[in-house]
N, C-alpha and C. Protein backbone atom coordinates (compact mmCIF):
# COMPACT_ATOMS: atom_id res chain seq x y z
N UNK A 1 3.98 -1.09 19.74
CA UNK A 1 2.88 -1.32 19.31
C UNK A 1 2.78 -2.88 19.33
N UNK A 2 2.22 -3.49 19.10
CA UNK A 2 1.39 -4.87 19.81
C UNK A 2 1.34 -5.62 18.95
N UNK A 3 1.38 -7.10 19.14
CA UNK A 3 1.12 -8.17 18.38
C UNK A 3 -0.02 -8.96 19.24
N UNK A 4 -0.81 -9.41 18.50
CA UNK A 4 -2.16 -10.57 19.40
C UNK A 4 -1.60 -12.02 19.39
N UNK A 5 -1.31 -12.31 20.31
CA UNK A 5 -0.83 -13.70 20.14
C UNK A 5 -2.28 -14.63 20.37
N UNK A 6 -3.14 -14.29 21.05
CA UNK A 6 -4.24 -15.11 21.53
C UNK A 6 -5.45 -14.07 22.27
N UNK A 7 -6.57 -14.40 21.49
CA UNK A 7 -7.65 -13.67 21.98
C UNK A 7 -8.11 -12.38 21.18
N UNK A 8 -9.09 -11.43 21.65
CA UNK A 8 -9.68 -10.70 20.90
C UNK A 8 -9.70 -9.22 21.58
N UNK A 9 -9.49 -8.24 20.74
CA UNK A 9 -9.50 -6.85 21.10
C UNK A 9 -10.34 -5.73 20.35
N UNK A 10 -11.50 -5.40 20.97
CA UNK A 10 -12.27 -4.42 20.68
C UNK A 10 -11.36 -3.07 20.47
N UNK A 11 -11.28 -2.43 19.56
CA UNK A 11 -10.85 -1.01 19.14
C UNK A 11 -11.86 -0.15 19.02
N UNK A 12 -11.81 0.89 19.98
CA UNK A 12 -13.30 1.88 19.82
C UNK A 12 -12.54 3.53 19.60
N UNK A 13 -13.13 3.96 19.39
CA UNK A 13 -12.96 5.52 19.65
C UNK A 13 -14.05 6.39 20.20
N UNK A 14 -13.97 7.59 21.05
CA UNK A 14 -15.11 8.11 21.74
C UNK A 14 -15.09 9.44 21.46
N UNK A 15 -16.16 9.85 21.19
CA UNK A 15 -16.59 11.56 20.67
C UNK A 15 -16.47 12.19 22.09
N UNK A 16 -16.05 13.49 21.80
CA UNK A 16 -16.31 14.35 23.39
C UNK A 16 -17.20 14.62 24.49
N UNK A 17 -18.75 13.54 23.27
CA UNK A 17 -19.67 13.82 24.37
C UNK A 17 -20.14 12.25 24.41
N UNK A 18 -18.93 11.63 24.55
CA UNK A 18 -18.79 10.24 25.73
C UNK A 18 -19.62 9.07 24.84
N UNK A 19 -19.79 9.47 23.20
CA UNK A 19 -20.27 8.50 22.63
C UNK A 19 -19.27 7.30 21.91
N UNK A 20 -19.31 5.91 22.00
CA UNK A 20 -18.56 5.11 21.51
C UNK A 20 -18.66 4.41 20.33
N UNK A 21 -17.74 4.35 19.60
CA UNK A 21 -18.39 3.55 18.17
C UNK A 21 -17.08 2.72 18.21
N UNK A 22 -17.50 1.41 18.09
CA UNK A 22 -16.27 0.19 17.38
C UNK A 22 -15.72 0.24 16.01
N UNK A 23 -14.69 0.66 15.99
CA UNK A 23 -13.73 0.33 14.62
C UNK A 23 -13.44 -0.85 14.09
N UNK A 24 -13.25 -1.81 15.24
CA UNK A 24 -12.48 -3.36 14.76
C UNK A 24 -12.51 -3.92 15.90
N UNK A 25 -12.66 -5.32 15.40
CA UNK A 25 -12.53 -6.58 16.41
C UNK A 25 -11.09 -6.98 16.07
N UNK A 26 -10.05 -6.92 16.73
CA UNK A 26 -9.10 -8.00 16.40
C UNK A 26 -8.75 -9.08 17.14
N UNK A 27 -7.97 -9.99 16.31
CA UNK A 27 -7.73 -11.26 17.26
C UNK A 27 -6.37 -11.92 16.67
N UNK A 28 -6.37 -13.09 17.12
CA UNK A 28 -4.75 -13.69 17.26
C UNK A 28 -4.50 -13.55 15.79
N UNK A 29 -3.05 -12.98 15.56
CA UNK A 29 -2.40 -12.64 14.66
C UNK A 29 -2.46 -11.26 14.17
N UNK A 30 -3.15 -10.11 14.60
CA UNK A 30 -3.32 -9.17 14.53
C UNK A 30 -2.35 -7.81 14.89
N UNK A 31 -2.11 -7.28 14.38
CA UNK A 31 -1.17 -5.98 15.24
C UNK A 31 -2.05 -4.67 15.62
N UNK A 32 -1.47 -3.88 16.58
CA UNK A 32 -2.35 -2.86 16.97
C UNK A 32 -1.20 -1.76 17.33
N UNK A 33 -1.78 -0.68 17.07
CA UNK A 33 -0.76 0.40 17.41
C UNK A 33 0.17 0.57 16.38
N UNK A 34 -0.02 0.49 14.92
CA UNK A 34 1.06 0.49 14.12
C UNK A 34 1.11 1.66 13.51
N UNK A 35 0.33 2.57 13.99
CA UNK A 35 0.43 4.37 13.71
C UNK A 35 1.75 5.00 14.15
N UNK A 36 2.12 4.34 15.19
CA UNK A 36 3.71 4.85 15.62
C UNK A 36 4.59 4.77 14.57
N UNK A 37 4.75 3.63 13.70
CA UNK A 37 5.54 3.86 12.26
C UNK A 37 5.60 4.88 11.63
N UNK A 38 4.37 5.69 11.74
CA UNK A 38 4.34 6.36 10.94
C UNK A 38 4.24 7.71 11.52
N UNK A 39 4.67 7.91 12.76
CA UNK A 39 5.11 9.09 13.62
C UNK A 39 3.72 9.44 14.41
N UNK A 40 2.61 8.67 14.73
CA UNK A 40 2.01 8.93 15.16
C UNK A 40 1.84 8.83 16.65
N UNK A 41 1.90 9.99 17.50
CA UNK A 41 2.24 10.02 18.91
C UNK A 41 1.00 9.81 19.97
N UNK A 42 0.21 10.01 19.37
CA UNK A 42 -1.16 9.97 20.63
C UNK A 42 -2.08 8.84 19.79
N UNK A 43 -2.72 7.83 20.64
CA UNK A 43 -3.48 6.95 19.79
C UNK A 43 -4.84 7.65 19.93
N UNK A 44 -5.47 7.54 18.22
CA UNK A 44 -7.02 8.29 18.62
C UNK A 44 -7.88 7.36 18.87
N UNK A 45 -7.32 6.01 19.15
CA UNK A 45 -8.53 5.10 19.47
C UNK A 45 -7.85 4.27 20.77
N UNK A 46 -8.91 3.36 21.72
CA UNK A 46 -8.96 3.00 22.47
C UNK A 46 -8.67 1.20 22.19
N UNK A 47 -8.20 0.60 23.02
CA UNK A 47 -8.39 -1.13 22.88
C UNK A 47 -8.52 -1.58 24.24
N UNK A 48 -9.68 -2.53 24.03
CA UNK A 48 -10.07 -3.33 25.27
C UNK A 48 -10.20 -4.53 24.95
N UNK A 49 -9.64 -5.68 25.68
CA UNK A 49 -9.79 -6.98 25.66
C UNK A 49 -11.01 -7.28 25.73
N UNK A 50 -11.33 -8.42 25.10
CA UNK A 50 -12.83 -9.17 25.04
C UNK A 50 -13.11 -10.39 25.82
N UNK A 51 -11.94 -10.68 25.78
CA UNK A 51 -11.25 -12.39 26.55
C UNK A 51 -10.18 -12.38 26.89
N UNK A 52 -9.87 -13.56 27.27
CA UNK A 52 -8.33 -14.03 27.76
C UNK A 52 -7.38 -13.48 26.61
N UNK A 53 -6.50 -12.54 26.75
CA UNK A 53 -5.64 -12.45 25.88
C UNK A 53 -4.18 -12.13 25.88
N UNK A 54 -3.37 -12.69 25.28
CA UNK A 54 -2.24 -12.59 25.34
C UNK A 54 -1.38 -11.37 24.44
N UNK A 55 -0.69 -10.28 24.95
CA UNK A 55 -0.09 -9.68 23.77
C UNK A 55 1.04 -9.38 23.63
N UNK A 56 1.51 -9.31 22.73
CA UNK A 56 3.17 -9.23 22.95
C UNK A 56 3.17 -7.52 22.49
N UNK A 57 4.36 -6.81 22.97
CA UNK A 57 4.31 -5.50 22.95
C UNK A 57 5.84 -5.54 22.25
N UNK A 58 5.78 -4.45 21.24
CA UNK A 58 7.17 -4.56 20.42
C UNK A 58 7.62 -3.28 20.53
N UNK A 59 8.98 -2.86 20.62
CA UNK A 59 9.51 -1.49 20.53
C UNK A 59 9.10 -0.90 18.78
N UNK A 60 9.05 0.14 18.79
CA UNK A 60 8.95 1.25 17.67
C UNK A 60 10.44 0.91 16.93
N UNK A 61 11.38 0.78 17.57
CA UNK A 61 12.63 1.07 17.28
C UNK A 61 12.81 -0.67 16.37
N UNK A 62 12.50 -1.61 17.52
CA UNK A 62 13.10 -2.89 17.20
C UNK A 62 12.12 -3.57 16.15
N UNK A 63 10.96 -2.98 15.76
CA UNK A 63 10.14 -3.26 14.86
C UNK A 63 10.51 -2.68 13.49
N UNK A 64 10.89 -1.18 13.69
CA UNK A 64 11.59 -0.51 12.40
C UNK A 64 12.69 -1.31 11.88
N UNK A 65 13.64 -1.97 12.67
CA UNK A 65 14.94 -2.52 12.21
C UNK A 65 14.86 -3.94 11.73
N UNK A 66 13.55 -4.46 12.14
CA UNK A 66 13.03 -6.09 11.59
C UNK A 66 12.30 -5.52 10.27
N UNK A 67 11.63 -4.45 10.05
CA UNK A 67 11.51 -4.08 8.52
C UNK A 67 12.54 -4.06 7.76
N UNK A 68 13.30 -3.39 7.86
CA UNK A 68 14.42 -2.82 7.04
C UNK A 68 15.43 -3.83 7.10
N UNK A 69 15.42 -4.97 7.50
CA UNK A 69 16.50 -6.04 7.54
C UNK A 69 15.84 -7.55 7.25
N UNK A 70 14.65 -7.72 7.02
CA UNK A 70 13.94 -9.04 6.94
C UNK A 70 12.87 -8.81 6.10
N UNK A 71 13.51 -9.12 4.63
CA UNK A 71 12.47 -8.79 3.60
C UNK A 71 11.21 -9.59 4.00
N UNK A 72 11.23 -10.81 4.03
CA UNK A 72 10.32 -11.73 4.15
C UNK A 72 9.40 -11.06 4.96
N UNK A 73 9.66 -10.58 6.46
CA UNK A 73 8.65 -10.06 7.34
C UNK A 73 8.00 -9.04 6.81
N UNK A 74 8.94 -8.05 5.65
CA UNK A 74 8.40 -6.57 5.71
C UNK A 74 7.31 -6.80 4.60
N UNK A 75 7.35 -7.78 3.73
CA UNK A 75 6.24 -8.17 2.44
C UNK A 75 5.02 -8.80 3.22
N UNK A 76 5.68 -9.56 4.44
CA UNK A 76 4.13 -10.35 5.04
C UNK A 76 3.37 -8.90 6.20
N UNK A 77 4.08 -7.92 6.25
CA UNK A 77 3.49 -6.74 7.13
C UNK A 77 2.65 -5.83 6.00
N UNK A 78 3.65 -5.48 4.72
CA UNK A 78 3.06 -4.88 3.91
C UNK A 78 1.44 -5.38 3.46
N UNK A 79 1.77 -6.80 3.15
CA UNK A 79 0.09 -7.45 2.87
C UNK A 79 -0.93 -7.38 3.93
N UNK A 80 -0.50 -7.27 5.29
CA UNK A 80 -1.24 -7.35 6.36
C UNK A 80 -1.92 -5.91 6.41
N UNK A 81 -0.88 -4.61 6.30
CA UNK A 81 -1.89 -3.33 6.38
C UNK A 81 -2.54 -3.07 5.30
N UNK A 82 -1.90 -3.52 4.11
CA UNK A 82 -3.06 -3.32 2.91
C UNK A 82 -4.17 -4.28 2.96
N UNK A 83 -4.22 -5.26 3.45
CA UNK A 83 -5.53 -6.05 3.39
C UNK A 83 -6.45 -5.19 4.81
N UNK A 84 -5.56 -4.90 5.81
CA UNK A 84 -6.60 -4.43 6.36
C UNK A 84 -7.31 -2.96 6.40
N UNK A 85 -6.40 -1.86 5.50
CA UNK A 85 -7.00 -1.12 4.61
C UNK A 85 -7.93 -1.31 3.96
N UNK A 86 -8.11 -2.11 3.10
CA UNK A 86 -9.22 -3.00 2.25
C UNK A 86 -10.19 -2.95 3.28
N UNK A 87 -9.94 -3.88 4.14
CA UNK A 87 -11.27 -4.07 4.98
C UNK A 87 -11.78 -3.00 5.35
N UNK A 88 -11.15 -1.65 5.93
CA UNK A 88 -11.71 -0.41 6.51
C UNK A 88 -12.50 0.27 5.53
N UNK A 89 -11.94 0.27 4.40
CA UNK A 89 -12.65 0.76 3.15
C UNK A 89 -13.94 0.33 2.94
N UNK A 90 -14.07 -1.37 2.53
CA UNK A 90 -15.19 -2.02 2.59
C UNK A 90 -16.10 -1.55 3.92
N UNK A 91 -15.79 -1.69 4.97
CA UNK A 91 -16.32 -0.87 6.02
C UNK A 91 -17.21 0.57 6.34
N UNK A 92 -16.29 1.39 5.45
CA UNK A 92 -16.98 2.83 5.02
C UNK A 92 -17.82 2.48 4.27
N UNK A 93 -17.56 1.83 2.97
CA UNK A 93 -18.93 1.56 1.82
C UNK A 93 -20.01 1.15 2.30
N UNK A 94 -19.90 -0.41 2.93
CA UNK A 94 -21.18 -0.62 3.85
C UNK A 94 -21.89 0.24 4.58
N UNK A 95 -21.16 1.15 5.52
CA UNK A 95 -21.91 1.93 5.89
C UNK A 95 -22.54 3.04 5.59
N UNK A 96 -21.76 3.62 4.47
CA UNK A 96 -22.56 4.63 3.42
C UNK A 96 -23.75 3.91 2.75
N UNK A 97 -23.45 3.26 2.02
CA UNK A 97 -24.82 2.29 1.35
C UNK A 97 -25.52 1.22 1.73
N UNK A 98 -25.24 0.46 2.70
CA UNK A 98 -26.34 -0.28 3.27
C UNK A 98 -27.36 -0.06 4.43
N UNK A 99 -28.44 -0.62 4.64
CA UNK A 99 -29.04 -1.11 5.81
C UNK A 99 -28.25 -1.21 6.98
N UNK A 100 -28.84 -1.09 7.84
CA UNK A 100 -28.34 -1.41 9.60
C UNK A 100 -28.41 -2.94 9.22
N UNK A 101 -29.60 -3.83 8.82
CA UNK A 101 -29.81 -5.02 8.64
C UNK A 101 -28.96 -5.73 7.99
N UNK A 102 -28.76 -5.36 6.74
CA UNK A 102 -27.32 -5.55 5.75
C UNK A 102 -26.27 -5.60 6.73
N UNK A 103 -25.75 -4.19 7.18
CA UNK A 103 -24.47 -4.13 7.86
C UNK A 103 -24.23 -5.61 8.82
N UNK A 104 -25.30 -5.67 9.55
CA UNK A 104 -25.18 -6.52 10.86
C UNK A 104 -25.07 -7.87 10.00
N UNK A 105 -25.98 -8.39 9.30
CA UNK A 105 -25.95 -9.65 8.60
C UNK A 105 -24.03 -9.79 7.88
N UNK A 106 -23.41 -9.10 7.44
CA UNK A 106 -22.24 -8.44 6.88
C UNK A 106 -21.05 -8.95 7.98
N UNK A 107 -21.37 -7.84 9.46
CA UNK A 107 -20.36 -8.23 10.28
C UNK A 107 -20.55 -9.87 10.76
N UNK A 108 -21.58 -10.13 10.75
CA UNK A 108 -21.73 -11.83 11.36
C UNK A 108 -20.74 -12.57 10.75
N UNK A 109 -20.97 -12.48 9.26
CA UNK A 109 -20.30 -13.34 8.38
C UNK A 109 -18.87 -13.15 8.42
N UNK A 110 -18.58 -11.96 8.87
CA UNK A 110 -17.19 -11.15 9.01
C UNK A 110 -16.67 -12.19 10.19
N UNK A 111 -17.17 -11.82 11.31
CA UNK A 111 -16.67 -12.50 12.56
C UNK A 111 -16.51 -13.74 12.30
N UNK A 112 -17.39 -14.34 11.48
CA UNK A 112 -17.53 -16.30 11.60
C UNK A 112 -16.39 -16.36 10.42
N UNK A 113 -15.53 -15.55 9.76
CA UNK A 113 -14.70 -15.70 8.89
C UNK A 113 -15.23 -16.45 7.54
N UNK A 114 -16.58 -16.09 6.97
CA UNK A 114 -16.59 -16.55 5.69
C UNK A 114 -16.21 -15.53 4.84
N UNK A 115 -15.33 -16.19 3.66
CA UNK A 115 -15.08 -15.71 2.67
C UNK A 115 -13.38 -15.66 2.96
N UNK A 116 -12.55 -16.19 4.19
CA UNK A 116 -11.36 -16.20 4.18
C UNK A 116 -10.59 -17.39 3.45
N UNK A 117 -9.58 -17.29 3.26
CA UNK A 117 -8.92 -18.69 2.54
C UNK A 117 -9.19 -19.86 3.43
N UNK A 118 -9.17 -19.79 4.63
CA UNK A 118 -9.10 -20.96 5.51
C UNK A 118 -10.72 -21.21 5.99
N UNK A 119 -10.76 -22.39 6.72
CA UNK A 119 -12.44 -22.76 6.73
C UNK A 119 -13.13 -21.65 7.84
N UNK A 120 -14.67 -21.33 7.39
CA UNK A 120 -15.11 -20.61 8.61
C UNK A 120 -15.27 -21.01 9.87
N UNK A 121 -15.32 -19.95 10.85
CA UNK A 121 -15.41 -20.47 12.09
C UNK A 121 -16.72 -20.20 12.32
N UNK A 122 -17.74 -20.92 12.08
CA UNK A 122 -19.11 -20.32 12.34
C UNK A 122 -19.82 -19.87 13.86
N UNK A 123 -19.06 -20.57 14.71
CA UNK A 123 -19.51 -19.78 16.14
C UNK A 123 -18.46 -18.67 16.65
N UNK A 124 -19.15 -18.20 16.63
CA UNK A 124 -18.47 -16.25 17.20
C UNK A 124 -18.74 -16.67 18.49
N UNK A 125 -17.84 -16.20 19.26
CA UNK A 125 -17.59 -15.98 20.70
C UNK A 125 -18.55 -15.28 21.21
N UNK A 126 -18.98 -15.35 22.71
CA UNK A 126 -20.04 -14.33 22.84
C UNK A 126 -19.63 -12.79 22.73
N UNK A 127 -20.78 -12.11 22.18
CA UNK A 127 -20.38 -10.63 22.10
C UNK A 127 -21.60 -9.93 22.24
N UNK A 128 -22.13 -8.78 22.96
CA UNK A 128 -23.01 -8.23 23.28
C UNK A 128 -23.74 -7.30 22.37
N UNK A 129 -25.06 -7.16 22.27
CA UNK A 129 -25.76 -6.50 21.09
C UNK A 129 -25.26 -5.45 21.44
N UNK A 130 -24.77 -4.70 22.46
CA UNK A 130 -24.42 -3.00 22.54
C UNK A 130 -23.38 -3.02 21.71
N UNK A 131 -22.55 -3.94 21.59
CA UNK A 131 -20.88 -4.12 20.81
C UNK A 131 -21.27 -4.06 19.63
N UNK A 132 -22.06 -4.88 19.21
CA UNK A 132 -22.57 -5.34 17.77
C UNK A 132 -23.23 -3.59 17.22
N UNK A 133 -24.20 -3.31 18.15
CA UNK A 133 -24.56 -2.27 17.52
C UNK A 133 -23.89 -0.90 17.21
N UNK A 134 -22.61 -0.99 18.18
CA UNK A 134 -21.88 0.03 18.00
C UNK A 134 -20.91 -0.36 16.97
N UNK A 135 -20.46 -1.31 16.37
CA UNK A 135 -19.84 -1.56 15.23
C UNK A 135 -21.03 -1.40 13.89
N UNK A 136 -22.35 -1.49 13.95
CA UNK A 136 -22.94 -1.49 12.93
C UNK A 136 -23.52 0.07 12.75
N UNK A 137 -23.04 0.77 13.83
CA UNK A 137 -23.83 1.97 13.73
C UNK A 137 -25.32 2.39 14.07
N UNK A 138 -25.61 1.43 15.10
CA UNK A 138 -27.45 1.59 15.45
C UNK A 138 -27.58 1.11 16.72
N UNK A 139 -28.79 0.86 16.89
CA UNK A 139 -28.87 1.14 18.34
C UNK A 139 -29.22 -0.43 18.57
N UNK A 140 -29.06 -0.99 20.10
CA UNK A 140 -29.07 -2.13 20.53
C UNK A 140 -30.59 -2.82 20.18
N UNK A 141 -31.52 -1.77 20.61
CA UNK A 141 -32.84 -2.78 20.08
C UNK A 141 -33.31 -2.98 18.77
N UNK A 142 -32.51 -2.19 17.87
CA UNK A 142 -32.54 -2.71 16.17
C UNK A 142 -31.83 -4.06 16.08
N UNK A 143 -30.61 -3.99 16.58
CA UNK A 143 -29.79 -5.25 16.59
C UNK A 143 -30.59 -6.44 16.82
N UNK A 144 -31.67 -6.49 18.58
CA UNK A 144 -32.00 -7.23 18.91
C UNK A 144 -33.40 -7.67 17.90
N UNK A 145 -33.71 -6.81 17.31
CA UNK A 145 -34.75 -7.18 16.39
C UNK A 145 -34.37 -8.06 15.28
N UNK A 146 -33.21 -7.44 14.52
CA UNK A 146 -32.46 -7.76 13.42
C UNK A 146 -32.17 -9.23 13.93
N UNK A 147 -31.31 -9.48 15.06
CA UNK A 147 -30.82 -11.13 15.47
C UNK A 147 -32.06 -12.26 15.56
N UNK A 148 -33.20 -11.81 16.41
CA UNK A 148 -34.22 -12.23 16.57
C UNK A 148 -34.89 -12.90 14.79
N UNK A 149 -35.00 -11.98 14.02
CA UNK A 149 -35.63 -12.37 12.76
C UNK A 149 -34.35 -13.03 12.04
N UNK A 150 -33.20 -12.59 12.11
CA UNK A 150 -32.21 -13.72 11.39
C UNK A 150 -32.60 -15.20 11.97
N UNK A 151 -33.00 -15.02 13.49
CA UNK A 151 -32.70 -16.81 13.69
C UNK A 151 -34.42 -17.15 13.72
N UNK A 152 -35.44 -16.39 13.46
CA UNK A 152 -36.29 -17.01 13.10
C UNK A 152 -36.61 -17.46 11.91
N UNK A 153 -35.65 -16.77 10.74
CA UNK A 153 -35.35 -17.43 9.69
C UNK A 153 -34.44 -18.55 9.04
N UNK A 154 -33.96 -18.94 10.46
CA UNK A 154 -32.71 -20.17 10.14
C UNK A 154 -31.39 -19.35 9.89
N UNK A 155 -30.91 -18.45 9.84
CA UNK A 155 -29.56 -17.71 9.12
C UNK A 155 -28.89 -18.07 10.42
N UNK A 156 -29.17 -17.91 11.65
CA UNK A 156 -28.42 -17.79 13.01
C UNK A 156 -28.96 -18.74 13.88
N UNK A 157 -27.87 -19.06 14.99
CA UNK A 157 -28.68 -19.64 16.44
C UNK A 157 -27.52 -19.12 17.12
N UNK A 158 -28.57 -18.86 18.33
CA UNK A 158 -27.69 -18.15 19.42
C UNK A 158 -28.04 -18.46 20.81
N UNK A 159 -27.26 -18.74 21.71
CA UNK A 159 -27.68 -19.02 23.05
C UNK A 159 -26.55 -18.33 23.89
N UNK A 160 -26.10 -17.33 23.67
CA UNK A 160 -24.94 -16.75 23.97
C UNK A 160 -23.87 -16.61 23.58
N UNK A 161 -23.59 -17.69 22.55
CA UNK A 161 -22.50 -17.39 21.43
C UNK A 161 -23.70 -17.72 20.39
N UNK A 162 -23.17 -17.40 19.20
CA UNK A 162 -23.75 -17.03 17.82
C UNK A 162 -23.02 -17.64 16.83
N UNK A 163 -24.04 -18.90 16.24
CA UNK A 163 -23.50 -19.66 15.32
C UNK A 163 -23.96 -18.94 14.11
N UNK A 164 -23.34 -18.64 12.99
CA UNK A 164 -24.11 -18.22 11.78
C UNK A 164 -23.96 -19.38 10.76
N UNK A 165 -25.04 -19.21 10.06
CA UNK A 165 -25.10 -20.28 9.24
C UNK A 165 -24.96 -19.98 7.70
N UNK A 166 -24.56 -20.33 6.45
CA UNK A 166 -23.88 -20.35 5.40
C UNK A 166 -25.17 -19.46 4.63
N UNK A 167 -26.44 -19.71 5.21
CA UNK A 167 -27.44 -19.24 4.56
C UNK A 167 -27.74 -17.48 4.68
N UNK A 168 -27.07 -17.30 5.51
CA UNK A 168 -26.94 -15.76 5.69
C UNK A 168 -26.25 -14.82 4.45
N UNK A 169 -25.44 -15.77 3.85
CA UNK A 169 -24.85 -14.83 2.74
C UNK A 169 -25.76 -14.54 2.00
N UNK A 170 -27.39 -14.86 1.55
CA UNK A 170 -28.13 -14.38 1.01
C UNK A 170 -28.60 -13.28 1.39
N UNK A 171 -28.41 -12.40 2.60
CA UNK A 171 -28.89 -11.40 3.05
C UNK A 171 -27.92 -10.63 2.52
N UNK A 172 -26.73 -10.41 2.26
CA UNK A 172 -25.43 -9.53 1.94
C UNK A 172 -25.44 -10.05 0.34
N UNK A 173 -25.56 -10.65 0.35
CA UNK A 173 -25.23 -10.91 -1.69
C UNK A 173 -26.76 -10.75 -2.71
N UNK A 174 -27.53 -10.74 -2.14
CA UNK A 174 -28.95 -10.13 -2.68
C UNK A 174 -29.84 -9.09 -2.43
N UNK A 175 -30.16 -8.21 -3.12
CA UNK A 175 -30.53 -7.14 -2.63
C UNK A 175 -31.84 -6.72 -1.65
N UNK A 176 -32.76 -8.01 -1.79
CA UNK A 176 -33.48 -8.29 -1.13
C UNK A 176 -33.78 -8.22 0.66
N UNK A 177 -34.21 -7.93 1.30
CA UNK A 177 -34.07 -7.94 2.69
C UNK A 177 -34.41 -9.51 3.09
N UNK A 178 -34.14 -9.93 4.46
CA UNK A 178 -34.47 -11.30 4.96
C UNK A 178 -35.93 -11.55 4.66
N UNK A 179 -37.10 -10.67 4.97
CA UNK A 179 -38.30 -11.11 4.53
C UNK A 179 -38.72 -11.19 3.44
N UNK A 180 -38.22 -10.80 2.33
CA UNK A 180 -38.54 -11.06 1.12
C UNK A 180 -37.70 -12.14 0.62
N UNK A 181 -36.53 -12.58 1.04
CA UNK A 181 -36.05 -13.64 0.56
C UNK A 181 -36.70 -15.00 1.33
N UNK A 182 -37.19 -14.83 2.76
CA UNK A 182 -38.03 -16.05 3.16
C UNK A 182 -39.44 -16.15 2.00
N UNK A 183 -40.15 -15.11 1.84
CA UNK A 183 -40.94 -15.54 0.86
C UNK A 183 -40.76 -15.60 -0.47
N UNK A 184 -39.65 -15.66 -0.87
CA UNK A 184 -39.33 -15.91 -2.39
C UNK A 184 -38.95 -17.75 -2.16
N UNK A 185 -38.58 -17.88 -0.59
CA UNK A 185 -38.07 -19.49 -0.61
C UNK A 185 -39.50 -20.29 -0.52
N UNK A 186 -40.36 -19.52 0.16
CA UNK A 186 -41.77 -20.46 0.65
C UNK A 186 -42.54 -20.62 -0.84
N UNK A 187 -42.25 -19.80 -2.05
CA UNK A 187 -42.83 -20.11 -3.51
C UNK A 187 -42.50 -21.57 -4.18
């Protein structure tokens, strides 16, 4: 298994027909390949670095020994795995019940770390609209349409890097669409 010391890693899965879906973007402080701890012998996902990345490889036996002998680390790792599971459940619920426009807004906010205990990092490193489309579950052309709409409404700014403004929270927190929100704010 691996520990990401620096950088970002895209985790994706591919169908037999060659269609790819991005299931996560992991960053500094995240683990990768923890399925080996449960006996998983073949990875069902692929990992690709998105920028300069430094990864520490940890042998399964060494990791398991550390989990058994270091209670503080075991508690930390358990919290990490449970929070990641909660995040995956939230992603699934988002995919099932929200529009692609709302899913994109939520994804951008998550990538900017809004809602985390530390301060948000409103500028997201460069990411392609194709990757955003794979993560949201829609087409690149729809992502382009929503990104332009969010920019026109002042929710984001982008010039290769995306700057997420706190006002984008309105798209996720309110039932209305960005167009409905902007007409309400003009009244």
